[in-house]
Full PDB file with SEQRES, HELIX, SHEET, SSBOND, CRYST1, ORIGX, SCALE, CONECT and MASTER records, all heavy atoms in Angstrom:
SEQRES   1 A   32  THR PHE VAL PHE ASN HIS ASP TYR ILE ASN THR LYS THR          
SEQRES   2 A   32  ALA ALA SER LEU SER LEU GLY LYS LYS HIS SER ASN GLU          
SEQRES   3 A   32  MET ILE ILE SER LEU ASP                                      
HELIX    1 AA1 THR A   13  GLY A   20  1                                   8    
CRYST1    1.000    1.000    1.000  90.00  90.00  90.00 P 1           1          
ORIGX1      1.000000  0.000000  0.000000        0.00000                         
ORIGX2      0.000000  1.000000  0.000000        0.00000                         
ORIGX3      0.000000  0.000000  1.000000        0.00000                         
SCALE1      1.000000  0.000000  0.000000        0.00000                         
SCALE2      0.000000  1.000000  0.000000        0.00000                         
SCALE3      0.000000  0.000000  1.000000        0.00000                         
ATOM      1  N   THR A   1    -119.765  90.233 -32.463  1.00  0.00           N  
ATOM      2  CA  THR A   1    -120.243  89.875 -31.125  1.00  0.00           C  
ATOM      3  C   THR A   1    -119.507  88.536 -30.775  1.00  0.00           C  
ATOM      4  O   THR A   1    -119.518  87.588 -31.534  1.00  0.00           O  
ATOM      5  CB  THR A   1    -121.761  89.659 -31.164  1.00  0.00           C  
ATOM      6  OG1 THR A   1    -122.398  90.881 -31.462  1.00  0.00           O  
ATOM      7  CG2 THR A   1    -122.226  89.210 -29.740  1.00  0.00           C  
ATOM      8  N   PHE A   2    -118.997  88.518 -29.552  1.00  0.00           N  
ATOM      9  CA  PHE A   2    -118.338  87.324 -29.049  1.00  0.00           C  
ATOM     10  C   PHE A   2    -119.230  86.655 -27.970  1.00  0.00           C  
ATOM     11  O   PHE A   2    -119.705  87.335 -27.062  1.00  0.00           O  
ATOM     12  CB  PHE A   2    -116.940  87.645 -28.457  1.00  0.00           C  
ATOM     13  CG  PHE A   2    -115.981  88.170 -29.495  1.00  0.00           C  
ATOM     14  CD1 PHE A   2    -115.799  89.527 -29.635  1.00  0.00           C  
ATOM     15  CD2 PHE A   2    -115.341  87.305 -30.319  1.00  0.00           C  
ATOM     16  CE1 PHE A   2    -114.932  90.044 -30.590  1.00  0.00           C  
ATOM     17  CE2 PHE A   2    -114.429  87.784 -31.304  1.00  0.00           C  
ATOM     18  CZ  PHE A   2    -114.244  89.134 -31.401  1.00  0.00           C  
ATOM     19  N   VAL A   3    -119.370  85.343 -28.122  1.00  0.00           N  
ATOM     20  CA  VAL A   3    -120.167  84.554 -27.178  1.00  0.00           C  
ATOM     21  C   VAL A   3    -119.246  83.555 -26.517  1.00  0.00           C  
ATOM     22  O   VAL A   3    -118.470  82.866 -27.282  1.00  0.00           O  
ATOM     23  CB  VAL A   3    -121.318  83.866 -27.903  1.00  0.00           C  
ATOM     24  CG1 VAL A   3    -122.116  82.998 -26.888  1.00  0.00           C  
ATOM     25  CG2 VAL A   3    -122.236  84.849 -28.622  1.00  0.00           C  
ATOM     26  N   PHE A   4    -119.236  83.396 -25.228  1.00  0.00           N  
ATOM     27  CA  PHE A   4    -118.317  82.557 -24.512  1.00  0.00           C  
ATOM     28  C   PHE A   4    -118.899  81.198 -24.219  1.00  0.00           C  
ATOM     29  O   PHE A   4    -120.007  81.101 -23.610  1.00  0.00           O  
ATOM     30  CB  PHE A   4    -117.850  83.186 -23.236  1.00  0.00           C  
ATOM     31  CG  PHE A   4    -116.862  84.313 -23.466  1.00  0.00           C  
ATOM     32  CD1 PHE A   4    -117.279  85.584 -23.801  1.00  0.00           C  
ATOM     33  CD2 PHE A   4    -115.515  84.102 -23.318  1.00  0.00           C  
ATOM     34  CE1 PHE A   4    -116.382  86.613 -24.003  1.00  0.00           C  
ATOM     35  CE2 PHE A   4    -114.581  85.108 -23.540  1.00  0.00           C  
ATOM     36  CZ  PHE A   4    -115.016  86.389 -23.881  1.00  0.00           C  
ATOM     37  N   ASN A   5    -118.242  80.144 -24.605  1.00  0.00           N  
ATOM     38  CA  ASN A   5    -118.556  78.775 -24.165  1.00  0.00           C  
ATOM     39  C   ASN A   5    -117.481  78.441 -23.104  1.00  0.00           C  
ATOM     40  O   ASN A   5    -116.422  77.955 -23.439  1.00  0.00           O  
ATOM     41  CB  ASN A   5    -118.489  77.797 -25.320  1.00  0.00           C  
ATOM     42  CG  ASN A   5    -118.761  76.357 -24.857  1.00  0.00           C  
ATOM     43  OD1 ASN A   5    -118.952  76.108 -23.706  1.00  0.00           O  
ATOM     44  ND2 ASN A   5    -118.790  75.457 -25.837  1.00  0.00           N  
ATOM     45  N   HIS A   6    -117.821  78.717 -21.846  1.00  0.00           N  
ATOM     46  CA  HIS A   6    -116.827  78.508 -20.780  1.00  0.00           C  
ATOM     47  C   HIS A   6    -116.569  77.052 -20.489  1.00  0.00           C  
ATOM     48  O   HIS A   6    -115.552  76.712 -19.928  1.00  0.00           O  
ATOM     49  CB  HIS A   6    -117.327  79.207 -19.510  1.00  0.00           C  
ATOM     50  CG  HIS A   6    -117.399  80.713 -19.620  1.00  0.00           C  
ATOM     51  ND1 HIS A   6    -116.283  81.501 -19.695  1.00  0.00           N  
ATOM     52  CD2 HIS A   6    -118.451  81.535 -19.729  1.00  0.00           C  
ATOM     53  CE1 HIS A   6    -116.622  82.768 -19.800  1.00  0.00           C  
ATOM     54  NE2 HIS A   6    -117.924  82.826 -19.842  1.00  0.00           N  
ATOM     55  N   ASP A   7    -117.475  76.175 -20.931  1.00  0.00           N  
ATOM     56  CA  ASP A   7    -117.318  74.740 -20.696  1.00  0.00           C  
ATOM     57  C   ASP A   7    -116.863  74.040 -21.978  1.00  0.00           C  
ATOM     58  O   ASP A   7    -117.278  72.876 -22.232  1.00  0.00           O  
ATOM     59  CB  ASP A   7    -118.669  74.185 -20.201  1.00  0.00           C  
ATOM     60  CG  ASP A   7    -118.490  72.780 -19.557  1.00  0.00           C  
ATOM     61  OD1 ASP A   7    -117.374  72.445 -19.048  1.00  0.00           O  
ATOM     62  OD2 ASP A   7    -119.441  72.055 -19.576  1.00  0.00           O  
ATOM     63  N   TYR A   8    -116.042  74.682 -22.776  1.00  0.00           N  
ATOM     64  CA  TYR A   8    -115.657  74.124 -24.076  1.00  0.00           C  
ATOM     65  C   TYR A   8    -114.904  72.785 -23.937  1.00  0.00           C  
ATOM     66  O   TYR A   8    -114.928  71.975 -24.888  1.00  0.00           O  
ATOM     67  CB  TYR A   8    -114.793  75.140 -24.825  1.00  0.00           C  
ATOM     68  CG  TYR A   8    -113.471  75.450 -24.195  1.00  0.00           C  
ATOM     69  CD1 TYR A   8    -112.340  74.730 -24.421  1.00  0.00           C  
ATOM     70  CD2 TYR A   8    -113.364  76.519 -23.284  1.00  0.00           C  
ATOM     71  CE1 TYR A   8    -111.095  74.992 -23.805  1.00  0.00           C  
ATOM     72  CE2 TYR A   8    -112.176  76.822 -22.694  1.00  0.00           C  
ATOM     73  CZ  TYR A   8    -111.040  76.090 -22.929  1.00  0.00           C  
ATOM     74  OH  TYR A   8    -109.856  76.378 -22.364  1.00  0.00           O  
ATOM     75  N   ILE A   9    -114.244  72.558 -22.819  1.00  0.00           N  
ATOM     76  CA  ILE A   9    -113.517  71.287 -22.638  1.00  0.00           C  
ATOM     77  C   ILE A   9    -114.454  70.073 -22.609  1.00  0.00           C  
ATOM     78  O   ILE A   9    -114.181  69.009 -23.106  1.00  0.00           O  
ATOM     79  CB  ILE A   9    -112.644  71.321 -21.397  1.00  0.00           C  
ATOM     80  CG1 ILE A   9    -111.569  72.332 -21.540  1.00  0.00           C  
ATOM     81  CG2 ILE A   9    -112.038  69.940 -21.090  1.00  0.00           C  
ATOM     82  CD1 ILE A   9    -110.657  72.524 -20.317  1.00  0.00           C  
ATOM     83  N   ASN A  10    -115.632  70.288 -22.030  1.00  0.00           N  
ATOM     84  CA  ASN A  10    -116.588  69.176 -21.797  1.00  0.00           C  
ATOM     85  C   ASN A  10    -117.774  69.158 -22.749  1.00  0.00           C  
ATOM     86  O   ASN A  10    -118.581  68.232 -22.698  1.00  0.00           O  
ATOM     87  CB  ASN A  10    -117.114  69.271 -20.363  1.00  0.00           C  
ATOM     88  CG  ASN A  10    -116.029  69.184 -19.319  1.00  0.00           C  
ATOM     89  OD1 ASN A  10    -115.195  68.306 -19.352  1.00  0.00           O  
ATOM     90  ND2 ASN A  10    -116.034  70.173 -18.373  1.00  0.00           N  
ATOM     91  N   THR A  11    -117.873  70.114 -23.637  1.00  0.00           N  
ATOM     92  CA  THR A  11    -119.036  70.165 -24.549  1.00  0.00           C  
ATOM     93  C   THR A  11    -118.588  70.057 -25.996  1.00  0.00           C  
ATOM     94  O   THR A  11    -117.445  70.229 -26.356  1.00  0.00           O  
ATOM     95  CB  THR A  11    -119.781  71.492 -24.373  1.00  0.00           C  
ATOM     96  OG1 THR A  11    -118.882  72.612 -24.654  1.00  0.00           O  
ATOM     97  CG2 THR A  11    -120.317  71.653 -22.962  1.00  0.00           C  
ATOM     98  N   LYS A  12    -119.551  69.743 -26.844  1.00  0.00           N  
ATOM     99  CA  LYS A  12    -119.360  69.605 -28.285  1.00  0.00           C  
ATOM    100  C   LYS A  12    -119.901  70.850 -29.027  1.00  0.00           C  
ATOM    101  O   LYS A  12    -120.423  71.806 -28.378  1.00  0.00           O  
ATOM    102  CB  LYS A  12    -119.981  68.331 -28.786  1.00  0.00           C  
ATOM    103  CG  LYS A  12    -119.327  67.085 -28.200  1.00  0.00           C  
ATOM    104  CD  LYS A  12    -119.934  65.839 -28.835  1.00  0.00           C  
ATOM    105  CE  LYS A  12    -119.172  64.556 -28.393  1.00  0.00           C  
ATOM    106  NZ  LYS A  12    -119.333  64.299 -26.933  1.00  0.00           N  
ATOM    107  N   THR A  13    -119.842  70.827 -30.325  1.00  0.00           N  
ATOM    108  CA  THR A  13    -120.141  71.976 -31.126  1.00  0.00           C  
ATOM    109  C   THR A  13    -121.599  72.448 -30.999  1.00  0.00           C  
ATOM    110  O   THR A  13    -121.856  73.623 -31.113  1.00  0.00           O  
ATOM    111  CB  THR A  13    -119.835  71.739 -32.590  1.00  0.00           C  
ATOM    112  OG1 THR A  13    -120.433  70.449 -33.000  1.00  0.00           O  
ATOM    113  CG2 THR A  13    -118.364  71.697 -32.873  1.00  0.00           C  
ATOM    114  N   ALA A  14    -122.496  71.526 -30.690  1.00  0.00           N  
ATOM    115  CA  ALA A  14    -123.902  71.936 -30.580  1.00  0.00           C  
ATOM    116  C   ALA A  14    -124.107  72.868 -29.405  1.00  0.00           C  
ATOM    117  O   ALA A  14    -124.956  73.790 -29.446  1.00  0.00           O  
ATOM    118  CB  ALA A  14    -124.808  70.722 -30.418  1.00  0.00           C  
ATOM    119  N   ALA A  15    -123.331  72.693 -28.358  1.00  0.00           N  
ATOM    120  CA  ALA A  15    -123.417  73.560 -27.187  1.00  0.00           C  
ATOM    121  C   ALA A  15    -123.006  74.971 -27.573  1.00  0.00           C  
ATOM    122  O   ALA A  15    -123.609  75.976 -27.162  1.00  0.00           O  
ATOM    123  CB  ALA A  15    -122.579  73.037 -26.017  1.00  0.00           C  
ATOM    124  N   SER A  16    -121.941  75.108 -28.358  1.00  0.00           N  
ATOM    125  CA  SER A  16    -121.471  76.422 -28.787  1.00  0.00           C  
ATOM    126  C   SER A  16    -122.528  77.100 -29.653  1.00  0.00           C  
ATOM    127  O   SER A  16    -122.864  78.288 -29.526  1.00  0.00           O  
ATOM    128  CB  SER A  16    -120.155  76.305 -29.526  1.00  0.00           C  
ATOM    129  OG  SER A  16    -119.108  75.940 -28.660  1.00  0.00           O  
ATOM    130  N   LEU A  17    -123.078  76.342 -30.609  1.00  0.00           N  
ATOM    131  CA  LEU A  17    -124.095  76.897 -31.515  1.00  0.00           C  
ATOM    132  C   LEU A  17    -125.323  77.317 -30.699  1.00  0.00           C  
ATOM    133  O   LEU A  17    -125.900  78.386 -30.976  1.00  0.00           O  
ATOM    134  CB  LEU A  17    -124.476  75.870 -32.566  1.00  0.00           C  
ATOM    135  CG  LEU A  17    -125.585  76.245 -33.512  1.00  0.00           C  
ATOM    136  CD1 LEU A  17    -125.279  77.548 -34.267  1.00  0.00           C  
ATOM    137  CD2 LEU A  17    -125.873  75.114 -34.478  1.00  0.00           C  
ATOM    138  N   SER A  18    -125.689  76.523 -29.728  1.00  0.00           N  
ATOM    139  CA  SER A  18    -126.868  76.836 -28.928  1.00  0.00           C  
ATOM    140  C   SER A  18    -126.690  78.163 -28.187  1.00  0.00           C  
ATOM    141  O   SER A  18    -127.621  78.956 -27.974  1.00  0.00           O  
ATOM    142  CB  SER A  18    -127.166  75.717 -27.927  1.00  0.00           C  
ATOM    143  OG  SER A  18    -127.506  74.540 -28.647  1.00  0.00           O  
ATOM    144  N   LEU A  19    -125.427  78.374 -27.706  1.00  0.00           N  
ATOM    145  CA  LEU A  19    -125.152  79.672 -27.043  1.00  0.00           C  
ATOM    146  C   LEU A  19    -125.194  80.824 -27.997  1.00  0.00           C  
ATOM    147  O   LEU A  19    -125.753  81.898 -27.735  1.00  0.00           O  
ATOM    148  CB  LEU A  19    -123.769  79.598 -26.352  1.00  0.00           C  
ATOM    149  CG  LEU A  19    -123.646  78.650 -25.130  1.00  0.00           C  
ATOM    150  CD1 LEU A  19    -122.182  78.429 -24.792  1.00  0.00           C  
ATOM    151  CD2 LEU A  19    -124.427  79.224 -23.942  1.00  0.00           C  
ATOM    152  N   GLY A  20    -124.640  80.625 -29.183  1.00  0.00           N  
ATOM    153  CA  GLY A  20    -124.561  81.660 -30.173  1.00  0.00           C  
ATOM    154  C   GLY A  20    -125.888  82.079 -30.785  1.00  0.00           C  
ATOM    155  O   GLY A  20    -126.013  83.220 -31.218  1.00  0.00           O  
ATOM    156  N   LYS A  21    -126.800  81.209 -30.792  1.00  0.00           N  
ATOM    157  CA  LYS A  21    -128.097  81.483 -31.473  1.00  0.00           C  
ATOM    158  C   LYS A  21    -129.103  82.214 -30.652  1.00  0.00           C  
ATOM    159  O   LYS A  21    -130.186  82.608 -31.136  1.00  0.00           O  
ATOM    160  CB  LYS A  21    -128.712  80.195 -31.999  1.00  0.00           C  
ATOM    161  CG  LYS A  21    -129.397  79.299 -30.973  1.00  0.00           C  
ATOM    162  CD  LYS A  21    -129.920  78.035 -31.635  1.00  0.00           C  
ATOM    163  CE  LYS A  21    -130.725  77.198 -30.661  1.00  0.00           C  
ATOM    164  NZ  LYS A  21    -132.016  77.830 -30.271  1.00  0.00           N  
ATOM    165  N   LYS A  22    -128.784  82.482 -29.405  1.00  0.00           N  
ATOM    166  CA  LYS A  22    -129.781  83.167 -28.533  1.00  0.00           C  
ATOM    167  C   LYS A  22    -130.030  84.586 -29.052  1.00  0.00           C  
ATOM    168  O   LYS A  22    -129.103  85.316 -29.389  1.00  0.00           O  
ATOM    169  CB  LYS A  22    -129.248  83.237 -27.102  1.00  0.00           C  
ATOM    170  CG  LYS A  22    -129.173  81.860 -26.441  1.00  0.00           C  
ATOM    171  CD  LYS A  22    -128.710  81.976 -25.015  1.00  0.00           C  
ATOM    172  CE  LYS A  22    -128.651  80.620 -24.312  1.00  0.00           C  
ATOM    173  NZ  LYS A  22    -128.127  80.696 -22.922  1.00  0.00           N  
ATOM    174  N   HIS A  23    -131.320  84.938 -29.147  1.00  0.00           N  
ATOM    175  CA  HIS A  23    -131.716  86.273 -29.580  1.00  0.00           C  
ATOM    176  C   HIS A  23    -131.208  86.637 -30.973  1.00  0.00           C  
ATOM    177  O   HIS A  23    -130.792  87.778 -31.237  1.00  0.00           O  
ATOM    178  CB  HIS A  23    -131.283  87.329 -28.581  1.00  0.00           C  
ATOM    179  CG  HIS A  23    -131.605  87.019 -27.143  1.00  0.00           C  
ATOM    180  ND1 HIS A  23    -132.890  86.909 -26.662  1.00  0.00           N  
ATOM    181  CD2 HIS A  23    -130.776  86.698 -26.080  1.00  0.00           C  
ATOM    182  CE1 HIS A  23    -132.898  86.560 -25.379  1.00  0.00           C  
ATOM    183  NE2 HIS A  23    -131.595  86.423 -24.997  1.00  0.00           N  
ATOM    184  N   SER A  24    -131.212  85.629 -31.850  1.00  0.00           N  
ATOM    185  CA  SER A  24    -130.734  85.834 -33.195  1.00  0.00           C  
ATOM    186  C   SER A  24    -131.806  86.473 -34.080  1.00  0.00           C  
ATOM    187  O   SER A  24    -132.955  86.632 -33.667  1.00  0.00           O  
ATOM    188  CB  SER A  24    -130.275  84.512 -33.807  1.00  0.00           C  
ATOM    189  OG  SER A  24    -131.362  83.648 -33.931  1.00  0.00           O  
ATOM    190  N   ASN A  25    -131.364  86.817 -35.281  1.00  0.00           N  
ATOM    191  CA  ASN A  25    -132.326  87.301 -36.299  1.00  0.00           C  
ATOM    192  C   ASN A  25    -133.157  86.137 -36.821  1.00  0.00           C  
ATOM    193  O   ASN A  25    -133.089  85.021 -36.331  1.00  0.00           O  
ATOM    194  CB  ASN A  25    -131.579  87.986 -37.450  1.00  0.00           C  
ATOM    195  CG  ASN A  25    -131.032  89.333 -37.026  1.00  0.00           C  
ATOM    196  OD1 ASN A  25    -131.708  90.117 -36.346  1.00  0.00           O  
ATOM    197  ND2 ASN A  25    -129.811  89.673 -37.432  1.00  0.00           N  
ATOM    198  N   GLU A  26    -133.915  86.385 -37.902  1.00  0.00           N  
ATOM    199  CA  GLU A  26    -134.884  85.372 -38.373  1.00  0.00           C  
ATOM    200  C   GLU A  26    -134.257  84.068 -38.843  1.00  0.00           C  
ATOM    201  O   GLU A  26    -134.742  83.001 -38.617  1.00  0.00           O  
ATOM    202  CB  GLU A  26    -135.692  85.985 -39.558  1.00  0.00           C  
ATOM    203  CG  GLU A  26    -136.549  87.161 -39.156  1.00  0.00           C  
ATOM    204  CD  GLU A  26    -137.092  87.832 -40.380  1.00  0.00           C  
ATOM    205  OE1 GLU A  26    -138.199  87.407 -40.846  1.00  0.00           O  
ATOM    206  OE2 GLU A  26    -136.438  88.796 -40.893  1.00  0.00           O  
ATOM    207  N   MET A  27    -133.128  84.200 -39.530  1.00  0.00           N  
ATOM    208  CA  MET A  27    -132.439  83.022 -40.057  1.00  0.00           C  
ATOM    209  C   MET A  27    -131.031  82.897 -39.501  1.00  0.00           C  
ATOM    210  O   MET A  27    -130.309  83.907 -39.389  1.00  0.00           O  
ATOM    211  CB  MET A  27    -132.398  83.046 -41.586  1.00  0.00           C  
ATOM    212  CG  MET A  27    -131.661  81.882 -42.229  1.00  0.00           C  
ATOM    213  SD  MET A  27    -131.874  81.813 -44.017  1.00  0.00           S  
ATOM    214  CE  MET A  27    -133.345  80.779 -44.132  1.00  0.00           C  
ATOM    215  N   ILE A  28    -130.604  81.699 -39.160  1.00  0.00           N  
ATOM    216  CA  ILE A  28    -129.256  81.415 -38.625  1.00  0.00           C  
ATOM    217  C   ILE A  28    -128.451  80.792 -39.750  1.00  0.00           C  
ATOM    218  O   ILE A  28    -128.886  79.821 -40.380  1.00  0.00           O  
ATOM    219  CB  ILE A  28    -129.338  80.486 -37.428  1.00  0.00           C  
ATOM    220  CG1 ILE A  28    -129.927  81.235 -36.176  1.00  0.00           C  
ATOM    221  CG2 ILE A  28    -127.951  79.921 -37.079  1.00  0.00           C  
ATOM    222  CD1 ILE A  28    -130.224  80.350 -35.041  1.00  0.00           C  
ATOM    223  N   ILE A  29    -127.277  81.332 -39.978  1.00  0.00           N  
ATOM    224  CA  ILE A  29    -126.269  80.663 -40.832  1.00  0.00           C  
ATOM    225  C   ILE A  29    -125.152  80.249 -39.925  1.00  0.00           C  
ATOM    226  O   ILE A  29    -124.529  81.060 -39.195  1.00  0.00           O  
ATOM    227  CB  ILE A  29    -125.729  81.637 -41.929  1.00  0.00           C  
ATOM    228  CG1 ILE A  29    -126.822  81.905 -42.999  1.00  0.00           C  
ATOM    229  CG2 ILE A  29    -124.552  80.972 -42.611  1.00  0.00           C  
ATOM    230  CD1 ILE A  29    -127.705  83.023 -42.760  1.00  0.00           C  
ATOM    231  N   SER A  30    -124.847  78.950 -39.907  1.00  0.00           N  
ATOM    232  CA  SER A  30    -123.817  78.405 -39.027  1.00  0.00           C  
ATOM    233  C   SER A  30    -122.655  77.814 -39.786  1.00  0.00           C  
ATOM    234  O   SER A  30    -122.901  77.130 -40.798  1.00  0.00           O  
ATOM    235  CB  SER A  30    -124.442  77.339 -38.114  1.00  0.00           C  
ATOM    236  OG  SER A  30    -123.469  76.712 -37.291  1.00  0.00           O  
ATOM    237  N   LEU A  31    -121.423  78.141 -39.357  1.00  0.00           N  
ATOM    238  CA  LEU A  31    -120.235  77.535 -39.932  1.00  0.00           C  
ATOM    239  C   LEU A  31    -119.203  77.336 -38.868  1.00  0.00           C  
ATOM    240  O   LEU A  31    -119.248  77.935 -37.826  1.00  0.00           O  
ATOM    241  CB  LEU A  31    -119.684  78.431 -41.080  1.00  0.00           C  
ATOM    242  CG  LEU A  31    -119.365  79.885 -40.738  1.00  0.00           C  
ATOM    243  CD1 LEU A  31    -117.995  80.272 -41.250  1.00  0.00           C  
ATOM    244  CD2 LEU A  31    -120.370  80.782 -41.455  1.00  0.00           C  
ATOM    245  N   ASP A  32    -118.279  76.391 -39.149  1.00  0.00           N  
ATOM    246  CA  ASP A  32    -117.226  76.100 -38.214  1.00  0.00           C  
ATOM    247  C   ASP A  32    -115.989  76.911 -38.462  1.00  0.00           C  
ATOM    248  O   ASP A  32    -115.693  77.292 -39.594  1.00  0.00           O  
ATOM    249  CB  ASP A  32    -116.857  74.629 -38.315  1.00  0.00           C  
ATOM    250  CG  ASP A  32    -117.996  73.706 -37.919  1.00  0.00           C  
ATOM    251  OD1 ASP A  32    -118.810  74.111 -37.011  1.00  0.00           O  
ATOM    252  OD2 ASP A  32    -118.133  72.581 -38.445  1.00  0.00           O  
TER     253      ASP A  32                                                      
MASTER        0    0    0    1    0    0    0    6  252    1    0    3          
END                                                                             
């Protein structure tokens, strides 16, 4: 699944993670 951070120039990694975690399963595993 691909999630788009259209404002990547002006945002930091937390913004990307916040977009990616929507409607996730019970546990989130995050990596860069």
